């Protein structure tokens, strides 16, 4: 590799990274005038366009690992993973119908606070938040590892050096930007990757002999095999596991993950959320398939001259960087643009996810500490940024271990599937299972985590997880015509051990003891052999079944919750079913009459006024008073004095609601309601307008 050519590529790489990083930061700093700095940092201020949000969600779905991992997956293992697209596409409409109507209108910074509102159990909320944190930490480790593979392949740069540089830039980006800057960076990176992928497809197709030749080579080489139903759960991936397994994983990601819910809440209406999610169906389909088409073109180019078999690359994930250097030498700057896309793509993905990690950690864990009670929004934002810096350093350390689990795609899928079941299961219990309570949800999550962790650990320890690669050839490799990244180190042979080889083999085989496997051991090994694509399904059903059983056994009158925390259709169906009806906290409860010794002078005076013949309300007034909804969900204030209720305390501690008397209620901004006042066709049955009562307000102690 010429020194001048390499220097030019490094210049293009540096300029691209600086430009695509500074532009979103400059826009973010300029748009932060007025309003809460904390909410602007977390929710982007609500000023993101629908197209930008579509590209950002699609980018967050695929990540930079798809840009590098999917082409090598097709070249060396075929198109089986391509079929996971079916599950992704099916997940978007289900998220629109099931999850978005339930908690979009909640005015909370963390989606896991909804679980505490529903179950009145802080441990359920913390366990779900911890599940999200662990999953994202491991997935982000894969994301940081991805560009280090390319930099190692091209520049022979150690993985730790690339990870440290990426983390350092990510920390600066995290301190200066926020969700808005991350979304704008996602848009820039998505457009860049589309252009670069298109250039790869066009050049490789021409080099291979045209589109028809590319298609024929992939079919003849066994790379394109779709709709293969093996009905064997131990197979790594087939069509059935790609549809069902990926559907459960995608539902957990799009519907139960703070990273995406945070983006939904940054939009100003629920209709925009639905449009964005449905628009992601074609967007994800196109972006997801582009990486696989790149892999098809690469296979057609290197079908008879495999760079991995010939020793020109050290790992399958290096095939795309090798192709760029080998075939784009005529175009200066292309390699730098490719490396910059990988680096900055991982950077934007890292920053947006670190933002969510820090927000969840603050809202669900740190903010409850006595030392942080009552601090200002500015101080909260400072703490959130410090937490983000700590997470970035942890992710860098974890990224150095990714290479031990089988590469980019294998590591990402294993982590996502093993943690998706419990998270999806607890949200299904909360939204679709009225019988579930806090005890059932907590033990259901614990059981799901135990089962999936046990299976994943057994798979890694006792099962050969190496995936057989499809055959390639080196028959047409020209000698010395291709650039070599780094040759394998020569291995010395110990001549003394070579002479003792036959003697050692005879000694070893003469004392071999083959244990007899019992039926239990065989069944256990069979369980460990189940593909990780099924972990999310197993975990979800475990959590839901155990949660419903324990909820039915331990249900008490204290397990009340607001009916609007269920999906509207589920609440309607459940109320029409026969059997014992559940009591909801938003139903009018009869207040017991106070004893005369407990009444104050003000209360006695009010009683005298109410019993006066001139003050007895008419039946029509009584009907209007009875129709008045619960003040917890009131969205307008009365001119007269009215009881006020702390909204968040009303959900989180319903047994400790304190009703206080307010003498005057000035006409200012109304206090934040538990549910936002944006309209939703799913909530038309719930009237949130409070009618003003003509009666004087009764003072209560």
Foldseek 3Di string as FASTA:
>chain_A
DDPVLVVLLQVLLVVLLVVLLVVLLVVQVVPPPDDFPLCCQQQVQQPDDLVLLLLLVLCLVCFLCLLLPQLLCLLWPFCQLVLLLQLLLVQLVVLLQFFCLQPLQFPDSFPLLLLCLQFLDLLLSVVLLVLLLVLVLLLLLLLLQQLLQLCCLFVVDDSLVSLVVLLVVLLVSLVRGHLSSLSSSSVVLSVLSVVLLVVLLVLLQVLLPHPVSLVVLCVVLVRDDADDDPVALLDQGHNVLSNVLSNLLSNLPCRQHSLNSSNSNSHDFSVSVSVSSNVSSVVSNVSSVSSNSSSSSLCSNCQAADCCVVQQDPDSSNSVSQCCVFRVPVPRNSSSSVSSSSSSSSSSSLSSVLNSSLSSCCRSPVCPDPVNPPDDSVVSSVSSSVSSSVSSVSSSVSSVCQVVQPHSPRSSLLSSLLSSQLSSQLVCCQAQNPLFHDVLNSVLSVVLNVLSVVLQVCLVPPNDPDDRTRDGHNNPPDPPPGDGSDGDDDDDDDVVCVVCVVVVVVVVVVPDDDDDDDPVNVVVNSSSSRHSSCSNVSSNVSSNVSRNVVSNVPPDLVSAHALSSYQLVSSVVQVPDDDDDHDHPFDDDDDDDDDPVPDDPQQVVVVVQCPDPVNPDDVVLVVLVNPFTDQLLADDDEQAKDWDWDNSCCSSPVVPIDTATDGGDDPDHDDDHSGHPHDDPSCPVPDRYGDHRPHHDRHDD
